[in-house]
All heavy atoms as atom14 arrays in JSON, in Angstrom:
{
  "sequence": "LFLSGLNIVLYFALAIVDVFAEFLFFGSGKSSEKYSFWGSLFFALL",
  "atom14_mask": [
    [1, 1, 1, 1, 1, 1, 1, 1, 0, 0, 0, 0, 0, 0],
    [1, 1, 1, 1, 1, 1, 1, 1, 1, 1, 1, 0, 0, 0],
    [1, 1, 1, 1, 1, 1, 1, 1, 0, 0, 0, 0, 0, 0],
    [1, 1, 1, 1, 1, 1, 0, 0, 0, 0, 0, 0, 0, 0],
    [1, 1, 1, 1, 0, 0, 0, 0, 0, 0, 0, 0, 0, 0],
    [1, 1, 1, 1, 1, 1, 1, 1, 0, 0, 0, 0, 0, 0],
    [1, 1, 1, 1, 1, 1, 1, 1, 0, 0, 0, 0, 0, 0],
    [1, 1, 1, 1, 1, 1, 1, 1, 0, 0, 0, 0, 0, 0],
    [1, 1, 1, 1, 1, 1, 1, 0, 0, 0, 0, 0, 0, 0],
    [1, 1, 1, 1, 1, 1, 1, 1, 0, 0, 0, 0, 0, 0],
    [1, 1, 1, 1, 1, 1, 1, 1, 1, 1, 1, 1, 0, 0],
    [1, 1, 1, 1, 1, 1, 1, 1, 1, 1, 1, 0, 0, 0],
    [1, 1, 1, 1, 1, 0, 0, 0, 0, 0, 0, 0, 0, 0],
    [1, 1, 1, 1, 1, 1, 1, 1, 0, 0, 0, 0, 0, 0],
    [1, 1, 1, 1, 1, 0, 0, 0, 0, 0, 0, 0, 0, 0],
    [1, 1, 1, 1, 1, 1, 1, 1, 0, 0, 0, 0, 0, 0],
    [1, 1, 1, 1, 1, 1, 1, 0, 0, 0, 0, 0, 0, 0],
    [1, 1, 1, 1, 1, 1, 1, 1, 0, 0, 0, 0, 0, 0],
    [1, 1, 1, 1, 1, 1, 1, 0, 0, 0, 0, 0, 0, 0],
    [1, 1, 1, 1, 1, 1, 1, 1, 1, 1, 1, 0, 0, 0],
    [1, 1, 1, 1, 1, 0, 0, 0, 0, 0, 0, 0, 0, 0],
    [1, 1, 1, 1, 1, 1, 1, 1, 1, 0, 0, 0, 0, 0],
    [1, 1, 1, 1, 1, 1, 1, 1, 1, 1, 1, 0, 0, 0],
    [1, 1, 1, 1, 1, 1, 1, 1, 0, 0, 0, 0, 0, 0],
    [1, 1, 1, 1, 1, 1, 1, 1, 1, 1, 1, 0, 0, 0],
    [1, 1, 1, 1, 1, 1, 1, 1, 1, 1, 1, 0, 0, 0],
    [1, 1, 1, 1, 0, 0, 0, 0, 0, 0, 0, 0, 0, 0],
    [1, 1, 1, 1, 1, 1, 0, 0, 0, 0, 0, 0, 0, 0],
    [1, 1, 1, 1, 0, 0, 0, 0, 0, 0, 0, 0, 0, 0],
    [1, 1, 1, 1, 1, 1, 1, 1, 1, 0, 0, 0, 0, 0],
    [1, 1, 1, 1, 1, 1, 0, 0, 0, 0, 0, 0, 0, 0],
    [1, 1, 1, 1, 1, 1, 0, 0, 0, 0, 0, 0, 0, 0],
    [1, 1, 1, 1, 1, 1, 1, 1, 1, 0, 0, 0, 0, 0],
    [1, 1, 1, 1, 1, 1, 1, 1, 1, 0, 0, 0, 0, 0],
    [1, 1, 1, 1, 1, 1, 1, 1, 1, 1, 1, 1, 0, 0],
    [1, 1, 1, 1, 1, 1, 0, 0, 0, 0, 0, 0, 0, 0],
    [1, 1, 1, 1, 1, 1, 1, 1, 1, 1, 1, 0, 0, 0],
    [1, 1, 1, 1, 1, 1, 1, 1, 1, 1, 1, 1, 1, 1],
    [1, 1, 1, 1, 0, 0, 0, 0, 0, 0, 0, 0, 0, 0],
    [1, 1, 1, 1, 1, 1, 0, 0, 0, 0, 0, 0, 0, 0],
    [1, 1, 1, 1, 1, 1, 1, 1, 0, 0, 0, 0, 0, 0],
    [1, 1, 1, 1, 1, 1, 1, 1, 1, 1, 1, 0, 0, 0],
    [1, 1, 1, 1, 1, 1, 1, 1, 1, 1, 1, 0, 0, 0],
    [1, 1, 1, 1, 1, 0, 0, 0, 0, 0, 0, 0, 0, 0],
    [1, 1, 1, 1, 1, 1, 1, 1, 0, 0, 0, 0, 0, 0],
    [1, 1, 1, 1, 1, 1, 1, 1, 0, 0, 0, 0, 0, 0]
  ],
  "atom14_positions": [
    [[116.86, 72.58, 88.9], [116.39, 73.48, 87.8], [114.92, 73.72, 87.91], [114.45, 74.86, 87.66], [116.81, 72.89, 86.49], [118.31, 72.88, 86.16], [118.55, 72.15, 84.81], [118.82, 74.32, 86.06], [0.0, 0.0, 0.0], [0.0, 0.0, 0.0], [0.0, 0.0, 0.0], [0.0, 0.0, 0.0], [0.0, 0.0, 0.0], [0.0, 0.0, 0.0]],
    [[114.12, 72.67, 88.22], [112.69, 72.81, 88.29], [112.3, 73.73, 89.39], [111.44, 74.62, 89.23], [112.08, 71.43, 88.48], [110.61, 71.45, 88.61], [109.8, 71.72, 87.5], [109.93, 71.2, 89.83], [108.41, 71.74, 87.58], [108.56, 71.29, 89.9], [107.8, 71.55, 88.84], [0.0, 0.0, 0.0], [0.0, 0.0, 0.0], [0.0, 0.0, 0.0]],
    [[112.86, 73.57, 90.62], [112.47, 74.45, 91.7], [113.02, 75.86, 91.58], [112.36, 76.77, 92.03], [113.0, 73.82, 93.04], [112.27, 72.53, 93.45], [112.87, 71.94, 94.74], [110.75, 72.78, 93.57], [0.0, 0.0, 0.0], [0.0, 0.0, 0.0], [0.0, 0.0, 0.0], [0.0, 0.0, 0.0], [0.0, 0.0, 0.0], [0.0, 0.0, 0.0]],
    [[114.16, 75.98, 90.91], [114.65, 77.36, 90.62], [113.7, 78.04, 89.58], [113.42, 79.25, 89.74], [116.05, 77.29, 90.09], [116.96, 76.81, 91.01], [0.0, 0.0, 0.0], [0.0, 0.0, 0.0], [0.0, 0.0, 0.0], [0.0, 0.0, 0.0], [0.0, 0.0, 0.0], [0.0, 0.0, 0.0], [0.0, 0.0, 0.0], [0.0, 0.0, 0.0]],
    [[113.23, 77.31, 88.63], [112.22, 77.85, 87.67], [110.94, 78.24, 88.36], [110.34, 79.29, 88.1], [0.0, 0.0, 0.0], [0.0, 0.0, 0.0], [0.0, 0.0, 0.0], [0.0, 0.0, 0.0], [0.0, 0.0, 0.0], [0.0, 0.0, 0.0], [0.0, 0.0, 0.0], [0.0, 0.0, 0.0], [0.0, 0.0, 0.0], [0.0, 0.0, 0.0]],
    [[110.49, 77.4, 89.3], [109.26, 77.78, 90.09], [109.51, 78.99, 90.92], [108.61, 79.84, 91.05], [108.92, 76.62, 90.96], [108.16, 75.43, 90.33], [107.88, 74.4, 91.42], [106.89, 75.85, 89.74], [0.0, 0.0, 0.0], [0.0, 0.0, 0.0], [0.0, 0.0, 0.0], [0.0, 0.0, 0.0], [0.0, 0.0, 0.0], [0.0, 0.0, 0.0]],
    [[110.71, 79.18, 91.43], [111.04, 80.31, 92.23], [111.01, 81.63, 91.37], [110.49, 82.64, 91.82], [112.41, 80.18, 92.81], [112.85, 81.24, 93.81], [111.99, 81.8, 94.48], [114.13, 81.53, 93.89], [0.0, 0.0, 0.0], [0.0, 0.0, 0.0], [0.0, 0.0, 0.0], [0.0, 0.0, 0.0], [0.0, 0.0, 0.0], [0.0, 0.0, 0.0]],
    [[111.5, 81.52, 90.17], [111.47, 82.66, 89.22], [110.06, 83.04, 88.85], [109.66, 84.22, 88.86], [112.43, 82.39, 88.01], [113.86, 82.32, 88.44], [112.17, 83.45, 86.95], [114.75, 81.81, 87.38], [0.0, 0.0, 0.0], [0.0, 0.0, 0.0], [0.0, 0.0, 0.0], [0.0, 0.0, 0.0], [0.0, 0.0, 0.0], [0.0, 0.0, 0.0]],
    [[109.26, 81.99, 88.6], [107.83, 82.23, 88.28], [107.15, 82.88, 89.44], [106.29, 83.83, 89.32], [107.12, 80.93, 87.85], [105.64, 81.09, 87.8], [107.7, 80.49, 86.5], [0.0, 0.0, 0.0], [0.0, 0.0, 0.0], [0.0, 0.0, 0.0], [0.0, 0.0, 0.0], [0.0, 0.0, 0.0], [0.0, 0.0, 0.0], [0.0, 0.0, 0.0]],
    [[107.45, 82.44, 90.67], [106.82, 83.04, 91.89], [107.24, 84.44, 92.03], [106.43, 85.36, 92.41], [107.19, 82.23, 93.1], [106.61, 82.77, 94.41], [105.14, 82.71, 94.49], [107.25, 81.99, 95.6], [0.0, 0.0, 0.0], [0.0, 0.0, 0.0], [0.0, 0.0, 0.0], [0.0, 0.0, 0.0], [0.0, 0.0, 0.0], [0.0, 0.0, 0.0]],
    [[108.48, 84.78, 91.74], [108.96, 86.15, 91.86], [108.19, 87.04, 90.85], [107.69, 88.15, 91.26], [110.41, 86.31, 91.51], [110.96, 87.66, 91.64], [111.34, 88.19, 92.89], [111.04, 88.54, 90.57], [111.78, 89.45, 93.02], [111.44, 89.84, 90.67], [111.86, 90.32, 91.97], [112.26, 91.65, 92.09], [0.0, 0.0, 0.0], [0.0, 0.0, 0.0]],
    [[108.01, 86.64, 89.67], [107.27, 87.48, 88.68], [105.76, 87.58, 89.01], [105.13, 88.65, 88.85], [107.47, 86.95, 87.25], [108.82, 87.25, 86.75], [109.71, 86.27, 86.34], [109.27, 88.59, 86.57], [110.96, 86.58, 85.88], [110.5, 88.89, 86.11], [111.39, 87.92, 85.71], [0.0, 0.0, 0.0], [0.0, 0.0, 0.0], [0.0, 0.0, 0.0]],
    [[105.19, 86.49, 89.58], [103.79, 86.55, 90.04], [103.64, 87.55, 91.2], [102.72, 88.33, 91.25], [103.33, 85.16, 90.45], [0.0, 0.0, 0.0], [0.0, 0.0, 0.0], [0.0, 0.0, 0.0], [0.0, 0.0, 0.0], [0.0, 0.0, 0.0], [0.0, 0.0, 0.0], [0.0, 0.0, 0.0], [0.0, 0.0, 0.0], [0.0, 0.0, 0.0]],
    [[104.61, 87.52, 92.11], [104.56, 88.48, 93.2], [104.83, 89.92, 92.76], [104.35, 90.84, 93.36], [105.52, 88.08, 94.3], [105.12, 86.87, 95.17], [106.19, 86.51, 96.2], [103.78, 87.15, 95.88], [0.0, 0.0, 0.0], [0.0, 0.0, 0.0], [0.0, 0.0, 0.0], [0.0, 0.0, 0.0], [0.0, 0.0, 0.0], [0.0, 0.0, 0.0]],
    [[105.64, 90.04, 91.68], [105.82, 91.41, 91.11], [104.58, 91.98, 90.54], [104.3, 93.18, 90.65], [106.97, 91.32, 90.03], [0.0, 0.0, 0.0], [0.0, 0.0, 0.0], [0.0, 0.0, 0.0], [0.0, 0.0, 0.0], [0.0, 0.0, 0.0], [0.0, 0.0, 0.0], [0.0, 0.0, 0.0], [0.0, 0.0, 0.0], [0.0, 0.0, 0.0]],
    [[103.79, 91.12, 89.94], [102.48, 91.56, 89.35], [101.57, 91.93, 90.51], [100.86, 92.95, 90.51], [101.88, 90.41, 88.47], [102.79, 90.29, 87.24], [100.44, 90.77, 88.1], [102.38, 89.1, 86.39], [0.0, 0.0, 0.0], [0.0, 0.0, 0.0], [0.0, 0.0, 0.0], [0.0, 0.0, 0.0], [0.0, 0.0, 0.0], [0.0, 0.0, 0.0]],
    [[101.55, 91.11, 91.57], [100.74, 91.43, 92.81], [101.24, 92.76, 93.37], [100.4, 93.6, 93.79], [100.71, 90.3, 93.81], [100.1, 90.71, 95.07], [100.1, 89.09, 93.19], [0.0, 0.0, 0.0], [0.0, 0.0, 0.0], [0.0, 0.0, 0.0], [0.0, 0.0, 0.0], [0.0, 0.0, 0.0], [0.0, 0.0, 0.0], [0.0, 0.0, 0.0]],
    [[102.52, 93.0, 93.33], [103.09, 94.25, 93.88], [102.57, 95.45, 93.13], [102.25, 96.44, 93.79], [104.61, 94.11, 93.81], [105.31, 95.35, 94.12], [104.88, 96.1, 95.07], [106.32, 95.72, 93.48], [0.0, 0.0, 0.0], [0.0, 0.0, 0.0], [0.0, 0.0, 0.0], [0.0, 0.0, 0.0], [0.0, 0.0, 0.0], [0.0, 0.0, 0.0]],
    [[102.53, 95.36, 91.8], [102.1, 96.49, 91.0], [100.6, 96.81, 91.33], [100.27, 97.95, 91.5], [102.28, 96.2, 89.48], [101.59, 97.18, 88.63], [103.76, 96.09, 89.15], [0.0, 0.0, 0.0], [0.0, 0.0, 0.0], [0.0, 0.0, 0.0], [0.0, 0.0, 0.0], [0.0, 0.0, 0.0], [0.0, 0.0, 0.0], [0.0, 0.0, 0.0]],
    [[99.77, 95.78, 91.4], [98.38, 96.0, 91.72], [98.23, 96.54, 93.18], [97.36, 97.4, 93.4], [97.6, 94.66, 91.56], [97.27, 94.42, 90.14], [97.76, 93.29, 89.54], [96.43, 95.19, 89.38], [97.5, 92.98, 88.2], [96.17, 94.96, 88.07], [96.72, 93.82, 87.47], [0.0, 0.0, 0.0], [0.0, 0.0, 0.0], [0.0, 0.0, 0.0]],
    [[99.01, 96.01, 94.09], [98.94, 96.54, 95.46], [99.3, 98.03, 95.55], [98.74, 98.82, 96.24], [99.79, 95.67, 96.38], [0.0, 0.0, 0.0], [0.0, 0.0, 0.0], [0.0, 0.0, 0.0], [0.0, 0.0, 0.0], [0.0, 0.0, 0.0], [0.0, 0.0, 0.0], [0.0, 0.0, 0.0], [0.0, 0.0, 0.0], [0.0, 0.0, 0.0]],
    [[100.39, 98.37, 94.91], [100.88, 99.76, 94.84], [99.78, 100.63, 94.22], [99.53, 101.78, 94.72], [102.13, 99.92, 94.05], [103.35, 99.41, 94.9], [104.58, 99.47, 93.98], [104.59, 100.18, 92.96], [105.57, 98.73, 94.31], [0.0, 0.0, 0.0], [0.0, 0.0, 0.0], [0.0, 0.0, 0.0], [0.0, 0.0, 0.0], [0.0, 0.0, 0.0]],
    [[99.16, 100.22, 93.13], [98.12, 101.04, 92.55], [96.89, 101.14, 93.48], [96.27, 102.17, 93.56], [97.72, 100.42, 91.23], [96.64, 101.25, 90.48], [96.92, 102.39, 89.88], [95.36, 100.84, 90.44], [95.93, 103.17, 89.26], [94.36, 101.52, 89.83], [94.66, 102.71, 89.23], [0.0, 0.0, 0.0], [0.0, 0.0, 0.0], [0.0, 0.0, 0.0]],
    [[96.57, 100.05, 94.15], [95.38, 100.04, 95.07], [95.61, 101.02, 96.23], [94.74, 101.78, 96.61], [95.15, 98.67, 95.58], [93.98, 98.5, 96.51], [92.64, 98.7, 95.85], [93.99, 97.08, 97.14], [0.0, 0.0, 0.0], [0.0, 0.0, 0.0], [0.0, 0.0, 0.0], [0.0, 0.0, 0.0], [0.0, 0.0, 0.0], [0.0, 0.0, 0.0]],
    [[96.83, 100.99, 96.83], [97.11, 101.76, 98.01], [97.51, 103.19, 97.73], [97.17, 104.15, 98.43], [98.07, 101.07, 98.91], [97.59, 99.83, 99.57], [98.16, 98.61, 99.29], [96.48, 99.93, 100.4], [97.64, 97.47, 99.86], [96.0, 98.78, 101.04], [96.55, 97.57, 100.76], [0.0, 0.0, 0.0], [0.0, 0.0, 0.0], [0.0, 0.0, 0.0]],
    [[98.32, 103.36, 96.64], [98.91, 104.73, 96.43], [98.39, 105.39, 95.16], [98.7, 106.57, 94.91], [100.43, 104.55, 96.36], [101.01, 103.91, 97.57], [101.68, 102.75, 97.47], [100.85, 104.46, 98.82], [102.27, 102.07, 98.5], [101.41, 103.84, 99.93], [102.1, 102.64, 99.82], [0.0, 0.0, 0.0], [0.0, 0.0, 0.0], [0.0, 0.0, 0.0]],
    [[97.72, 104.68, 94.31], [97.25, 105.25, 93.11], [98.4, 105.32, 92.07], [99.41, 104.76, 92.23], [0.0, 0.0, 0.0], [0.0, 0.0, 0.0], [0.0, 0.0, 0.0], [0.0, 0.0, 0.0], [0.0, 0.0, 0.0], [0.0, 0.0, 0.0], [0.0, 0.0, 0.0], [0.0, 0.0, 0.0], [0.0, 0.0, 0.0], [0.0, 0.0, 0.0]],
    [[98.1, 106.14, 91.05], [99.12, 106.25, 90.03], [99.66, 107.69, 90.06], [99.09, 108.54, 90.61], [98.57, 105.93, 88.6], [97.58, 106.89, 88.29], [0.0, 0.0, 0.0], [0.0, 0.0, 0.0], [0.0, 0.0, 0.0], [0.0, 0.0, 0.0], [0.0, 0.0, 0.0], [0.0, 0.0, 0.0], [0.0, 0.0, 0.0], [0.0, 0.0, 0.0]],
    [[100.82, 107.87, 89.43], [101.37, 109.21, 89.32], [102.75, 109.3, 90.01], [103.33, 108.31, 90.36], [0.0, 0.0, 0.0], [0.0, 0.0, 0.0], [0.0, 0.0, 0.0], [0.0, 0.0, 0.0], [0.0, 0.0, 0.0], [0.0, 0.0, 0.0], [0.0, 0.0, 0.0], [0.0, 0.0, 0.0], [0.0, 0.0, 0.0], [0.0, 0.0, 0.0]],
    [[103.21, 110.51, 90.07], [104.58, 110.74, 90.57], [104.74, 110.37, 92.05], [105.83, 109.96, 92.47], [104.88, 112.23, 90.36], [106.26, 112.58, 90.16], [106.8, 111.98, 88.91], [108.05, 112.74, 88.46], [108.99, 111.93, 87.75], [0.0, 0.0, 0.0], [0.0, 0.0, 0.0], [0.0, 0.0, 0.0], [0.0, 0.0, 0.0], [0.0, 0.0, 0.0]],
    [[103.69, 110.6, 92.83], [103.83, 110.29, 94.28], [103.93, 108.78, 94.56], [104.54, 108.41, 95.6], [102.59, 110.87, 95.03], [101.44, 110.21, 94.64], [0.0, 0.0, 0.0], [0.0, 0.0, 0.0], [0.0, 0.0, 0.0], [0.0, 0.0, 0.0], [0.0, 0.0, 0.0], [0.0, 0.0, 0.0], [0.0, 0.0, 0.0], [0.0, 0.0, 0.0]],
    [[103.43, 107.98, 93.72], [103.52, 106.5, 93.97], [104.88, 105.9, 93.62], [105.21, 104.77, 94.04], [102.44, 105.76, 93.21], [102.67, 105.81, 91.79], [0.0, 0.0, 0.0], [0.0, 0.0, 0.0], [0.0, 0.0, 0.0], [0.0, 0.0, 0.0], [0.0, 0.0, 0.0], [0.0, 0.0, 0.0], [0.0, 0.0, 0.0], [0.0, 0.0, 0.0]],
    [[105.72, 106.65, 92.86], [106.97, 106.16, 92.47], [107.97, 105.98, 93.66], [108.75, 105.07, 93.65], [107.62, 107.05, 91.43], [106.98, 106.98, 90.05], [107.62, 107.92, 89.09], [108.66, 108.54, 89.41], [107.09, 108.01, 88.0], [0.0, 0.0, 0.0], [0.0, 0.0, 0.0], [0.0, 0.0, 0.0], [0.0, 0.0, 0.0], [0.0, 0.0, 0.0]],
    [[107.82, 106.84, 94.7], [108.74, 106.67, 95.82], [108.39, 105.45, 96.71], [109.23, 105.06, 97.48], [108.69, 107.9, 96.68], [107.34, 108.28, 97.21], [107.4, 109.61, 97.99], [106.05, 110.06, 98.44], [106.05, 111.37, 99.05], [0.0, 0.0, 0.0], [0.0, 0.0, 0.0], [0.0, 0.0, 0.0], [0.0, 0.0, 0.0], [0.0, 0.0, 0.0]],
    [[107.21, 104.89, 96.59], [106.87, 103.74, 97.3], [107.14, 102.42, 96.56], [106.93, 101.35, 97.14], [105.36, 103.8, 97.71], [105.04, 104.98, 98.6], [104.23, 105.99, 98.08], [105.58, 105.1, 99.86], [103.95, 107.1, 98.9], [105.27, 106.16, 100.67], [104.43, 107.19, 100.13], [104.15, 108.26, 100.89], [0.0, 0.0, 0.0], [0.0, 0.0, 0.0]],
    [[107.43, 102.48, 95.34], [107.65, 101.27, 94.54], [108.81, 100.41, 95.05], [108.72, 99.18, 95.05], [107.8, 101.62, 93.05], [109.06, 102.26, 92.9], [0.0, 0.0, 0.0], [0.0, 0.0, 0.0], [0.0, 0.0, 0.0], [0.0, 0.0, 0.0], [0.0, 0.0, 0.0], [0.0, 0.0, 0.0], [0.0, 0.0, 0.0], [0.0, 0.0, 0.0]],
    [[109.9, 101.07, 95.57], [111.02, 100.31, 96.14], [110.54, 99.52, 97.33], [110.89, 98.35, 97.49], [112.11, 101.3, 96.51], [113.21, 100.62, 97.33], [114.16, 99.76, 96.72], [113.23, 100.77, 98.75], [115.13, 99.19, 97.53], [114.18, 100.18, 99.48], [115.15, 99.35, 98.87], [0.0, 0.0, 0.0], [0.0, 0.0, 0.0], [0.0, 0.0, 0.0]],
    [[109.74, 100.12, 98.22], [109.35, 99.5, 99.46], [108.35, 98.37, 99.2], [108.41, 97.3, 99.86], [108.75, 100.48, 100.45], [109.78, 101.49, 100.83], [109.83, 102.76, 100.46], [110.91, 101.27, 101.67], [110.91, 103.41, 101.02], [111.64, 102.48, 101.76], [111.4, 100.12, 102.35], [112.79, 102.61, 102.49], [112.6, 100.31, 103.08], [113.22, 101.51, 103.15]],
    [[107.54, 98.54, 98.2], [106.64, 97.42, 97.82], [107.33, 96.23, 97.24], [107.1, 95.14, 97.6], [0.0, 0.0, 0.0], [0.0, 0.0, 0.0], [0.0, 0.0, 0.0], [0.0, 0.0, 0.0], [0.0, 0.0, 0.0], [0.0, 0.0, 0.0], [0.0, 0.0, 0.0], [0.0, 0.0, 0.0], [0.0, 0.0, 0.0], [0.0, 0.0, 0.0]],
    [[108.32, 96.52, 96.36], [109.14, 95.42, 95.79], [109.97, 94.73, 96.86], [110.08, 93.51, 96.93], [110.07, 96.0, 94.7], [109.29, 96.52, 93.67], [0.0, 0.0, 0.0], [0.0, 0.0, 0.0], [0.0, 0.0, 0.0], [0.0, 0.0, 0.0], [0.0, 0.0, 0.0], [0.0, 0.0, 0.0], [0.0, 0.0, 0.0], [0.0, 0.0, 0.0]],
    [[110.49, 95.53, 97.79], [111.24, 94.95, 98.89], [110.39, 94.07, 99.74], [110.84, 92.98, 100.17], [111.95, 96.07, 99.71], [112.79, 95.62, 100.88], [114.02, 94.88, 100.4], [113.2, 96.78, 101.74], [0.0, 0.0, 0.0], [0.0, 0.0, 0.0], [0.0, 0.0, 0.0], [0.0, 0.0, 0.0], [0.0, 0.0, 0.0], [0.0, 0.0, 0.0]],
    [[109.2, 94.5, 100.07], [108.29, 93.74, 100.92], [107.99, 92.38, 100.26], [108.03, 91.36, 100.92], [106.96, 94.51, 101.14], [105.95, 93.68, 101.77], [106.0, 93.35, 103.12], [104.9, 93.18, 101.01], [104.97, 92.61, 103.71], [103.91, 92.46, 101.63], [103.93, 92.12, 102.95], [0.0, 0.0, 0.0], [0.0, 0.0, 0.0], [0.0, 0.0, 0.0]],
    [[107.72, 92.39, 98.98], [107.33, 91.1, 98.27], [108.53, 90.22, 98.1], [108.42, 89.01, 98.12], [106.58, 91.37, 97.0], [105.14, 91.75, 97.2], [104.7, 93.07, 97.14], [104.22, 90.8, 97.57], [103.39, 93.41, 97.35], [102.92, 91.07, 97.75], [102.47, 92.39, 97.67], [0.0, 0.0, 0.0], [0.0, 0.0, 0.0], [0.0, 0.0, 0.0]],
    [[109.72, 90.77, 97.93], [110.89, 89.96, 97.85], [111.22, 89.33, 99.2], [111.56, 88.11, 99.27], [112.1, 90.83, 97.43], [0.0, 0.0, 0.0], [0.0, 0.0, 0.0], [0.0, 0.0, 0.0], [0.0, 0.0, 0.0], [0.0, 0.0, 0.0], [0.0, 0.0, 0.0], [0.0, 0.0, 0.0], [0.0, 0.0, 0.0], [0.0, 0.0, 0.0]],
    [[111.04, 90.12, 100.28], [111.26, 89.53, 101.62], [110.16, 88.49, 101.94], [110.47, 87.48, 102.57], [111.23, 90.63, 102.73], [112.45, 91.57, 102.71], [112.21, 92.67, 103.72], [113.68, 90.75, 102.95], [0.0, 0.0, 0.0], [0.0, 0.0, 0.0], [0.0, 0.0, 0.0], [0.0, 0.0, 0.0], [0.0, 0.0, 0.0], [0.0, 0.0, 0.0]],
    [[108.95, 88.71, 101.47], [107.91, 87.72, 101.59], [108.26, 86.46, 100.91], [108.05, 85.33, 101.46], [106.54, 88.28, 101.11], [105.38, 87.35, 101.14], [104.98, 87.13, 102.59], [104.19, 87.91, 100.34], [0.0, 0.0, 0.0], [0.0, 0.0, 0.0], [0.0, 0.0, 0.0], [0.0, 0.0, 0.0], [0.0, 0.0, 0.0], [0.0, 0.0, 0.0]]
  ]
}
């Protein structure tokens, strides 16, 4: 339970990093929405 909880916390921490990375590289707006899947997939695979 403890390690699964740490895993969930790490997922949400990487999701926050993912949002900042997408904003840094692609900016905001309609064009950045198509890259959100790939950013999330990258951090999940990481």
